[in-house]
Protein backbone atom coordinates (compact mmCIF):
# COMPACT_ATOMS: atom_id res chain seq x y z
CA MET A 1 7.20 -15.68 -34.03
CA PRO A 2 11.04 -14.73 -33.93
CA GLU A 3 12.97 -14.80 -37.20
CA THR A 4 15.28 -17.77 -35.65
CA LEU A 5 13.57 -20.60 -34.21
CA PRO A 6 15.20 -22.86 -31.37
CA THR A 7 17.35 -25.82 -32.78
CA GLY A 8 18.93 -29.17 -31.31
CA LEU A 9 17.13 -30.49 -28.43
CA VAL A 10 13.76 -28.54 -27.80
CA THR A 11 10.60 -29.33 -25.65
CA TYR A 12 7.27 -29.14 -27.03
CA LEU A 13 4.17 -28.00 -25.10
CA PHE A 14 0.44 -28.48 -26.47
CA THR A 15 -2.40 -27.00 -24.49
CA ASP A 16 -6.16 -26.59 -24.91
CA ILE A 17 -9.38 -26.17 -22.90
CA GLU A 18 -11.09 -29.18 -22.13
CA GLY A 19 -14.86 -29.05 -23.53
CA SER A 20 -14.59 -25.52 -24.81
CA THR A 21 -17.58 -25.92 -27.11
CA ARG A 22 -19.76 -27.02 -24.42
CA LEU A 23 -18.11 -24.10 -22.32
CA LEU A 24 -19.13 -21.82 -25.03
CA HIS A 25 -22.84 -22.92 -25.05
CA ARG A 26 -22.92 -22.52 -21.16
CA VAL A 27 -21.40 -19.38 -20.62
CA GLY A 28 -22.60 -17.51 -23.96
CA ASP A 29 -21.17 -14.07 -24.43
CA ARG A 30 -18.92 -14.10 -21.54
CA TYR A 31 -16.96 -16.67 -23.23
CA ALA A 32 -14.58 -14.21 -25.02
CA ASP A 33 -13.66 -12.74 -21.64
CA LEU A 34 -12.61 -16.15 -20.33
CA LEU A 35 -10.73 -16.83 -23.36
CA ASP A 36 -8.92 -13.61 -22.95
CA ALA A 37 -7.90 -14.34 -19.33
CA HIS A 38 -6.89 -18.00 -20.31
CA HIS A 39 -4.78 -16.56 -23.37
CA ASN A 40 -3.04 -14.08 -20.99
CA ILE A 41 -2.13 -16.73 -18.61
CA ILE A 42 -0.65 -19.09 -21.04
CA ARG A 43 1.36 -16.45 -22.89
CA ARG A 44 2.63 -15.17 -19.46
CA ALA A 45 3.66 -18.55 -18.62
CA ILE A 46 5.65 -18.92 -21.89
CA THR A 47 7.59 -15.83 -21.91
CA ASP A 48 8.39 -16.06 -18.15
CA HIS A 49 10.10 -19.47 -19.01
CA ASN A 50 11.69 -18.11 -22.32
CA GLY A 51 9.60 -20.20 -24.58
CA VAL A 52 8.34 -19.20 -27.94
CA GLU A 53 4.65 -19.05 -28.93
CA LEU A 54 4.49 -20.90 -32.35
CA ARG A 55 0.77 -21.21 -32.85
CA THR A 56 -2.39 -20.32 -31.56
CA GLU A 57 -5.79 -21.74 -32.79
CA GLY A 58 -8.99 -21.04 -30.83
CA ASP A 59 -8.13 -22.21 -27.48
CA ALA A 60 -5.24 -24.09 -28.26
CA PHE A 61 -1.35 -23.26 -27.98
CA PHE A 62 1.95 -24.87 -29.38
CA ALA A 63 4.84 -23.62 -27.87
CA VAL A 64 8.54 -24.55 -27.73
CA PHE A 65 11.38 -24.40 -24.95
CA THR A 66 14.98 -24.88 -25.17
CA THR A 67 15.22 -26.95 -22.17
CA ILE A 68 12.88 -29.57 -20.55
CA GLU A 69 12.83 -27.55 -17.24
CA ASP A 70 11.57 -24.64 -18.71
CA GLY A 71 8.92 -26.31 -20.63
CA THR A 72 7.59 -28.22 -17.54
CA SER A 73 7.84 -24.95 -15.57
CA ALA A 74 5.72 -23.11 -17.72
CA ALA A 75 2.92 -25.80 -17.89
CA VAL A 76 2.96 -26.02 -13.94
CA LYS A 77 2.85 -22.19 -13.81
CA ALA A 78 -0.02 -22.02 -16.22
CA GLN A 79 -2.12 -24.70 -14.43
CA ARG A 80 -1.72 -22.92 -11.12
CA ASP A 81 -2.65 -19.55 -12.48
CA ILE A 82 -5.58 -20.97 -14.33
CA ALA A 83 -6.93 -22.66 -10.89
CA SER A 84 -6.36 -19.47 -9.09
CA ASP A 85 -8.11 -17.25 -11.43
CA PRO A 86 -11.48 -16.29 -9.98
CA GLY A 87 -13.27 -16.01 -13.33
CA LEU A 88 -11.90 -19.08 -14.60
CA SER A 89 -12.13 -21.38 -11.76
CA SER A 90 -15.86 -20.10 -11.04
CA GLU A 91 -16.63 -21.60 -14.55
CA SER A 92 -14.41 -24.71 -13.94
CA VAL A 93 -11.99 -23.93 -16.95
CA LYS A 94 -9.85 -27.12 -17.23
CA VAL A 95 -6.80 -27.13 -19.47
CA ARG A 96 -5.09 -30.40 -20.73
CA MET A 97 -1.46 -29.99 -21.43
CA GLY A 98 1.08 -32.28 -23.22
CA ILE A 99 4.84 -32.11 -22.97
CA HIS A 100 7.44 -34.06 -25.05
CA SER A 101 11.10 -33.59 -26.03
CA GLY A 102 13.01 -34.31 -29.12
CA GLU A 103 15.14 -33.24 -31.91
CA ALA A 104 14.02 -30.01 -33.61
CA THR A 105 13.09 -30.70 -37.35
CA LEU A 106 12.46 -27.12 -39.11
CA GLY A 107 10.03 -26.98 -42.13
CA GLY A 108 9.53 -23.44 -43.64
CA ASP A 109 8.75 -21.12 -40.61
CA ASN A 110 7.48 -24.01 -38.26
CA TYR A 111 8.53 -27.44 -36.75
CA THR A 112 7.85 -30.96 -38.54
CA GLY A 113 8.44 -34.37 -37.65
CA ILE A 114 7.22 -37.07 -35.58
CA ASP A 115 8.14 -35.26 -31.88
CA VAL A 116 5.51 -32.47 -32.67
CA HIS A 117 2.86 -34.95 -33.36
CA ILE A 118 3.59 -37.01 -30.21
CA ALA A 119 3.65 -33.73 -28.23
CA ALA A 120 0.02 -32.95 -29.90
CA ARG A 121 -1.31 -36.51 -29.08
CA VAL A 122 0.02 -36.41 -25.49
CA ALA A 123 -1.94 -33.02 -24.84
CA ASN A 124 -5.30 -34.67 -26.77
CA ALA A 125 -4.82 -37.88 -24.06
CA ALA A 126 -4.78 -35.57 -21.22
CA ASN A 127 -7.80 -34.67 -19.10
CA GLY A 128 -8.49 -31.03 -17.97
CA GLY A 129 -6.54 -29.81 -15.17
CA GLN A 130 -3.74 -32.48 -16.07
CA ILE A 131 -0.28 -32.21 -17.70
CA LEU A 132 0.79 -35.46 -19.12
CA VAL A 133 4.48 -35.96 -20.43
CA THR A 134 6.67 -38.49 -21.99
CA ASP A 135 9.62 -40.57 -20.83
CA PRO A 136 12.18 -38.05 -22.12
CA ILE A 137 10.48 -35.28 -19.73
CA ALA A 138 9.92 -37.67 -16.67
CA HIS A 139 13.17 -39.10 -16.85
CA LYS A 140 15.60 -36.15 -17.57
CA THR A 141 13.79 -33.33 -15.58
CA VAL A 142 15.70 -32.18 -12.45
CA MET A 143 13.31 -30.24 -10.41
CA PHE A 144 12.60 -30.41 -6.77
CA SER A 145 9.12 -29.21 -7.00
CA VAL A 146 8.08 -31.26 -9.64
CA SER A 147 7.43 -35.40 -9.77
CA PHE A 148 5.54 -37.67 -12.01
CA VAL A 149 3.27 -40.76 -11.89
CA ASP A 150 3.99 -43.39 -14.36
CA LEU A 151 0.72 -44.15 -15.99
CA GLY A 152 2.14 -46.75 -18.31
CA GLY A 153 2.19 -47.21 -22.17
CA PHE A 154 -0.86 -46.21 -24.14
CA TRP A 155 -1.52 -45.99 -28.15
CA LEU A 156 -1.80 -42.51 -29.15
CA LYS A 157 -3.64 -41.79 -32.43
CA ASP A 158 -1.68 -42.38 -35.44
CA ILE A 159 1.46 -43.13 -33.47
CA GLU A 160 2.82 -46.52 -34.48
CA GLU A 161 4.40 -47.47 -31.14
CA PRO A 162 3.05 -47.20 -27.74
CA THR A 163 3.94 -44.34 -25.58
CA ASN A 164 4.84 -44.23 -22.03
CA LEU A 165 2.73 -41.42 -20.21
CA HIS A 166 3.44 -39.78 -16.92
CA ALA A 167 1.34 -37.26 -14.88
CA VAL A 168 3.00 -34.27 -13.32
CA ILE A 169 2.85 -33.98 -9.51
CA ALA A 170 3.25 -30.41 -8.37
CA GLU A 171 1.70 -27.87 -5.88
CA GLY A 172 -1.22 -26.28 -7.31
CA VAL A 173 -1.60 -28.69 -10.13
CA GLU A 174 -4.74 -31.18 -10.12
CA LEU A 175 -3.57 -34.55 -10.10
CA SER A 176 -6.53 -36.05 -12.18
CA THR A 177 -7.49 -39.68 -11.32
CA ALA A 178 -9.26 -40.25 -14.74
CA PRO A 179 -6.97 -42.52 -16.97
CA PRO A 180 -5.59 -40.90 -20.18
CA ASN A 181 -7.95 -40.61 -23.10
CA ALA A 182 -6.01 -43.32 -24.97
CA ALA A 183 -6.09 -47.15 -25.12
CA ASN A 184 -3.77 -48.36 -22.32
CA THR A 185 -1.18 -51.24 -23.71
CA HIS A 186 -1.99 -53.24 -20.68
CA PRO A 187 -5.60 -54.38 -19.98
CA ARG A 188 -7.32 -52.73 -17.23
CA ASN A 189 -7.46 -54.50 -14.05
CA ALA A 190 -5.02 -57.29 -15.34
CA PRO A 191 -2.36 -58.39 -13.00
CA ARG A 192 1.06 -57.01 -14.16
CA ASP A 193 4.20 -59.44 -15.11
CA LEU A 194 6.64 -59.61 -12.37
CA SER A 195 8.68 -62.12 -14.51
CA SER A 196 9.53 -62.73 -18.28
CA PHE A 197 7.22 -64.21 -20.52
CA ILE A 198 8.88 -67.36 -22.03
CA GLY A 199 7.71 -69.31 -25.31
CA ARG A 200 4.27 -69.38 -26.80
CA ASP A 201 5.11 -67.40 -30.17
CA ARG A 202 2.95 -69.75 -32.24
CA GLU A 203 0.08 -69.55 -29.99
CA VAL A 204 0.39 -65.84 -29.68
CA SER A 205 0.67 -65.41 -33.65
CA HIS A 206 -2.42 -67.64 -34.18
CA ALA A 207 -4.72 -66.06 -31.46
CA LEU A 208 -3.97 -62.44 -32.68
CA GLU A 209 -4.94 -63.88 -36.48
CA ILE A 210 -8.28 -65.27 -34.87
CA LEU A 211 -8.73 -62.25 -32.78
CA ASP A 212 -8.99 -60.10 -35.99
CA SER A 213 -11.62 -61.96 -37.58
CA SER A 214 -13.55 -63.49 -34.86
CA ARG A 215 -15.52 -61.76 -31.97
CA VAL A 216 -15.04 -64.59 -29.59
CA THR A 217 -11.80 -66.21 -29.05
CA VAL A 218 -11.41 -68.93 -26.18
CA LEU A 219 -8.13 -70.21 -24.86
CA THR A 220 -8.79 -73.77 -23.98
CA GLY A 221 -6.55 -76.29 -21.95
CA PRO A 222 -5.94 -77.80 -18.46
CA GLY A 223 -5.32 -75.85 -15.54
CA GLY A 224 -1.81 -74.96 -15.14
CA THR A 225 -0.94 -74.15 -18.89
CA GLY A 226 -0.57 -70.50 -18.54
CA LYS A 227 -3.84 -69.39 -20.27
CA THR A 228 -4.51 -66.29 -18.25
CA ARG A 229 -1.00 -64.97 -18.61
CA LEU A 230 -1.14 -66.00 -22.34
CA ALA A 231 -4.65 -63.87 -22.64
CA ILE A 232 -3.03 -60.87 -21.24
CA LYS A 233 0.04 -60.86 -23.29
CA ILE A 234 -2.38 -61.33 -26.45
CA ALA A 235 -4.52 -58.51 -25.14
CA THR A 236 -1.40 -56.23 -24.76
CA LEU A 237 -0.25 -56.88 -28.20
CA ALA A 238 -3.83 -56.23 -29.82
CA SER A 239 -4.44 -53.26 -27.60
CA ASN A 240 -4.02 -50.71 -30.34
CA LYS A 241 -6.86 -52.15 -32.48
CA PHE A 242 -9.30 -51.38 -29.38
CA ARG A 243 -9.78 -47.62 -29.18
CA ASP A 244 -11.84 -47.70 -25.96
CA GLY A 245 -9.18 -50.36 -24.38
CA ALA A 246 -8.88 -53.88 -23.04
CA PHE A 247 -10.52 -54.78 -19.83
CA PHE A 248 -9.49 -57.90 -17.58
CA VAL A 249 -12.60 -59.58 -15.85
CA PRO A 250 -11.37 -62.20 -13.47
CA LEU A 251 -14.30 -64.93 -12.75
CA ALA A 252 -12.01 -67.47 -10.54
CA GLY A 253 -13.55 -66.49 -7.25
CA ILE A 254 -17.27 -65.79 -8.60
CA THR A 255 -19.76 -68.63 -7.80
CA ASP A 256 -23.01 -67.14 -8.54
CA PRO A 257 -23.82 -66.68 -12.19
CA GLU A 258 -25.83 -63.58 -11.60
CA SER A 259 -22.53 -61.93 -9.93
CA VAL A 260 -21.03 -61.79 -13.48
CA PRO A 261 -22.69 -58.60 -14.49
CA ASN A 262 -21.40 -56.95 -11.65
CA SER A 263 -17.85 -58.24 -12.25
CA LEU A 264 -17.89 -56.62 -15.78
CA ILE A 265 -19.04 -53.25 -14.31
CA ASN A 266 -16.22 -53.49 -11.86
CA ALA A 267 -13.42 -54.31 -14.70
CA LEU A 268 -15.00 -51.53 -16.90
CA GLY A 269 -14.56 -49.07 -14.24
CA PHE A 270 -17.81 -47.32 -14.40
CA PRO A 271 -20.74 -47.28 -11.46
CA ALA A 272 -24.16 -48.97 -12.39
CA SER A 273 -25.49 -45.45 -12.95
CA ASP A 274 -29.22 -46.66 -13.55
CA ALA A 275 -30.40 -48.40 -10.44
CA SER A 276 -33.92 -48.83 -12.41
CA VAL A 277 -32.08 -51.41 -14.86
CA SER A 278 -30.10 -54.69 -14.41
CA PRO A 279 -26.64 -54.78 -14.04
CA ILE A 280 -26.12 -56.43 -17.51
CA GLU A 281 -28.39 -53.70 -19.17
CA ASN A 282 -25.96 -51.06 -17.61
CA VAL A 283 -23.16 -53.11 -19.19
CA VAL A 284 -24.89 -53.33 -22.56
CA ARG A 285 -25.39 -49.31 -22.61
CA TYR A 286 -21.76 -48.71 -21.51
CA LEU A 287 -20.28 -50.78 -24.19
CA ARG A 288 -22.89 -50.23 -26.85
CA ASP A 289 -21.09 -48.14 -29.18
CA ARG A 290 -17.50 -48.73 -27.61
CA ASN A 291 -14.69 -50.43 -29.40
CA ALA A 292 -13.28 -52.71 -26.51
CA LEU A 293 -12.08 -56.07 -25.77
CA LEU A 294 -13.02 -58.06 -22.68
CA ILE A 295 -10.57 -60.71 -21.20
CA VAL A 296 -12.93 -62.98 -19.30
CA ASP A 297 -10.72 -65.37 -17.28
CA ASN A 298 -11.52 -68.54 -15.84
CA CYS A 299 -15.08 -69.09 -17.27
CA GLU A 300 -15.10 -73.31 -16.87
CA HIS A 301 -16.78 -73.23 -13.47
CA ILE A 302 -19.42 -70.77 -14.19
CA LEU A 303 -20.82 -72.07 -17.53
CA THR A 304 -24.20 -70.72 -16.84
CA ALA A 305 -23.40 -67.14 -16.77
CA ILE A 306 -22.23 -67.38 -20.33
CA PRO A 307 -25.76 -66.09 -21.66
CA HIS A 308 -24.56 -62.71 -19.78
CA ILE A 309 -21.33 -62.45 -22.27
CA GLN A 310 -23.80 -63.45 -25.20
CA THR A 311 -26.11 -60.49 -24.26
CA VAL A 312 -23.33 -58.06 -24.42
CA LEU A 313 -22.05 -59.29 -27.57
CA ALA A 314 -25.35 -58.92 -29.31
CA ALA A 315 -25.87 -55.71 -28.21
CA SER A 316 -22.35 -54.22 -28.76
CA PRO A 317 -20.98 -55.01 -32.21
CA LYS A 318 -17.78 -53.38 -31.96
CA THR A 319 -16.86 -55.24 -28.54
CA LYS A 320 -14.86 -58.53 -28.72
CA VAL A 321 -14.40 -61.39 -26.17
CA LEU A 322 -11.02 -63.31 -25.28
CA ALA A 323 -11.81 -65.91 -22.79
CA THR A 324 -10.02 -68.65 -21.16
CA SER A 325 -11.46 -71.78 -19.86
CA ARG A 326 -10.70 -75.66 -19.64
CA THR A 327 -13.64 -76.23 -21.90
CA PRO A 328 -15.45 -74.49 -24.82
CA LEU A 329 -17.94 -71.98 -23.79
CA GLY A 330 -20.58 -72.50 -26.77
CA LEU A 331 -20.89 -68.89 -27.64
CA ARG A 332 -22.08 -68.01 -30.98
CA GLY A 333 -19.38 -67.36 -33.47
CA GLU A 334 -16.72 -68.75 -31.00
CA ARG A 335 -13.28 -69.78 -32.30
CA ASP A 336 -11.38 -71.76 -29.91
CA ILE A 337 -7.79 -72.50 -29.41
CA ALA A 338 -6.35 -75.51 -27.60
CA ILE A 339 -3.19 -74.29 -25.57
CA PRO A 340 -0.77 -77.27 -25.39
CA PRO A 341 2.06 -77.65 -22.46
CA LEU A 342 5.41 -75.90 -23.39
CA ASP A 343 8.04 -77.80 -25.51
CA ILE A 344 10.04 -79.96 -23.33
CA GLU A 345 13.11 -79.05 -25.45
CA SER A 346 13.00 -75.60 -25.53
CA SER A 347 10.50 -73.32 -23.81
CA ALA A 348 9.79 -75.63 -20.73
CA THR A 349 13.55 -75.92 -20.02
CA GLN A 350 14.10 -72.23 -20.45
CA LEU A 351 11.18 -71.50 -18.17
CA PHE A 352 12.74 -73.58 -15.40
CA VAL A 353 16.07 -71.98 -15.70
CA ASP A 354 14.64 -68.27 -15.77
CA ARG A 355 12.54 -68.91 -12.51
CA ALA A 356 15.58 -70.90 -10.94
CA THR A 357 17.62 -68.09 -11.68
CA GLU A 358 15.15 -65.56 -10.14
CA VAL A 359 15.60 -67.20 -6.58
CA ASN A 360 19.38 -68.58 -7.06
CA ALA A 361 21.25 -66.15 -8.93
CA SER A 362 24.11 -68.56 -9.23
CA PHE A 363 22.02 -71.28 -10.91
CA ALA A 364 22.96 -72.06 -14.42
CA LEU A 365 22.26 -74.77 -16.85
CA ASP A 366 25.20 -76.86 -17.37
CA GLU A 367 26.33 -80.46 -18.59
CA SER A 368 26.14 -81.43 -14.94
CA ASN A 369 22.33 -80.76 -14.49
CA ALA A 370 20.99 -80.48 -18.06
CA ASP A 371 19.61 -84.04 -17.99
CA ALA A 372 18.24 -83.73 -14.68
CA VAL A 373 16.30 -80.31 -15.64
CA ARG A 374 14.90 -81.91 -18.79
CA GLN A 375 13.63 -85.22 -17.14
CA LEU A 376 12.15 -82.73 -14.66
CA VAL A 377 10.18 -80.72 -16.84
CA ALA A 378 9.00 -83.62 -18.72
CA ARG A 379 8.07 -85.22 -15.45
CA LEU A 380 5.90 -82.10 -15.03
CA ASP A 381 4.22 -82.84 -18.44
CA GLY A 382 5.64 -79.21 -19.60
CA LEU A 383 3.15 -77.44 -17.44
CA PRO A 384 4.21 -73.80 -16.54
CA LEU A 385 2.51 -73.62 -13.29
CA ALA A 386 4.09 -76.88 -12.05
CA ILE A 387 7.56 -75.86 -13.62
CA GLU A 388 7.60 -72.64 -11.82
CA LEU A 389 6.46 -74.28 -8.51
CA ALA A 390 9.44 -76.91 -8.85
CA ALA A 391 11.87 -73.94 -9.83
CA SER A 392 11.05 -72.33 -6.71
CA ARG A 393 12.94 -74.94 -4.92
CA ALA A 394 16.08 -74.10 -6.59
CA ARG A 395 16.83 -71.87 -4.05
CA MET A 396 18.10 -74.52 -1.57
CA MET A 397 18.00 -77.76 -3.87
CA SER A 398 19.64 -78.99 -7.00
CA PRO A 399 17.93 -80.15 -10.19
CA GLU A 400 18.68 -83.64 -9.19
CA SER A 401 17.19 -83.39 -5.80
CA ILE A 402 14.08 -81.81 -6.92
CA LEU A 403 13.59 -84.66 -9.50
CA ALA A 404 14.11 -87.09 -6.71
CA THR A 405 11.47 -85.74 -4.59
CA LEU A 406 9.17 -85.75 -7.49
CA ASP A 407 9.67 -89.50 -8.44
CA PRO A 408 7.39 -90.92 -5.74
CA LEU A 409 4.16 -88.99 -7.12
CA ALA A 410 1.87 -91.21 -8.94
CA LEU A 411 -0.16 -90.41 -11.96
CA THR A 412 -3.61 -91.73 -11.48
CA SER A 413 -5.41 -90.70 -14.47
CA SER A 414 -5.09 -92.41 -17.81
CA SER A 415 -6.33 -89.63 -20.19
CA THR A 416 -3.79 -86.92 -21.41
CA SER A 417 -6.00 -84.19 -19.98
CA GLY A 418 -6.79 -85.91 -16.66
CA ARG A 419 -3.11 -86.94 -16.29
CA ARG A 420 -1.95 -83.10 -16.58
CA GLU A 421 -4.57 -82.08 -14.07
CA GLN A 422 -3.12 -84.70 -11.63
CA THR A 423 0.44 -83.60 -12.28
CA LEU A 424 -0.59 -80.02 -11.39
CA ALA A 425 -2.39 -81.24 -8.21
CA ASP A 426 0.46 -83.49 -7.34
CA THR A 427 2.97 -80.70 -7.84
CA ILE A 428 1.02 -78.18 -5.71
CA ARG A 429 0.63 -80.74 -3.00
CA TRP A 430 4.31 -81.56 -3.21
CA SER A 431 5.30 -77.93 -2.97
CA TYR A 432 3.27 -77.56 -0.04
CA GLU A 433 4.52 -80.35 1.97
CA LEU A 434 8.38 -79.76 1.26
């Protein structure tokens, strides 16, 4: 190690061999030769790109570079040389790498501080043959030969805030299709938000508390109240508590209860590897020891499939369920949260204004239209979906005109729940007919 370490903004690189213990058992005495070849390649890549080797432990390396480009280039060269080495490639030796940049914090003869820990956790999240980097690397690297795939946010072990990870794309570097070995902040399979999330602070807070203590949480309410989007929001905020991830299971298009186990398999992203047992048994085997969250959406029309969910819960003690349904499900230990419409005076009005602005940049809430907007969202019972449909007409119509076209709609149901269902149905028909 040199007497003087780089200071200021530096780039950290961590590497290690994936499954090195399994490799040792498999190749026996040849492991030492493979390790020597691996070490030579890593060291040469570090030296060729002006890096400093800080620590080597077993098959793991820690190095530092004065520029992002040098650190990234060293990782790319090392992966290419490992892939092209006859001895290493013949034994399918795969190295995982992580790169992060930050202000150097020196402690004695080494670096300390959170940025070192982030870089190490990024490497731990990588798959063999993969180079993962953080935002500072992906956003500041200027290299024509390298690009990045944004993989989204992940909870890295012991890091309090989510970290956005990117996979390096470069000639000769394997682009692994496997997700990082960390919990994604966004539930797998869930639709991505293309617009802002408005209101629901109280419901989110309440649901997070219940999710902590209950294995089954069900968001209930009429169609159009925003249960699906709320469930995804709750799951995203709670994702750091589920080591093996959160998984979105959409049931809206399912009519056969026996198709639900296959929907679970698709959401979890694994093949039903054992054809000799039922799909639900494959799900149970996969989840048995996993700490996961299942977001089971639109359950009300397929209640006869609920025993499948109960089977999974009974056999998977670390798995929890967050479901949406117009009615309670009757699962053992279930906690139900009724989701009301949005508050007319605040969230409902804000939602209309936000969505109207999306389709008409010149739209603004002012004294001339505030009363019409308030009447409009009240007329729509504060239902988010109905409000969004109405707001989509703001491209060509004023709030007063939208309200006038809504007025002829009749409310035919006397019950509150039934009235809201009718309001949504009427609004959908109205939007279609315009």
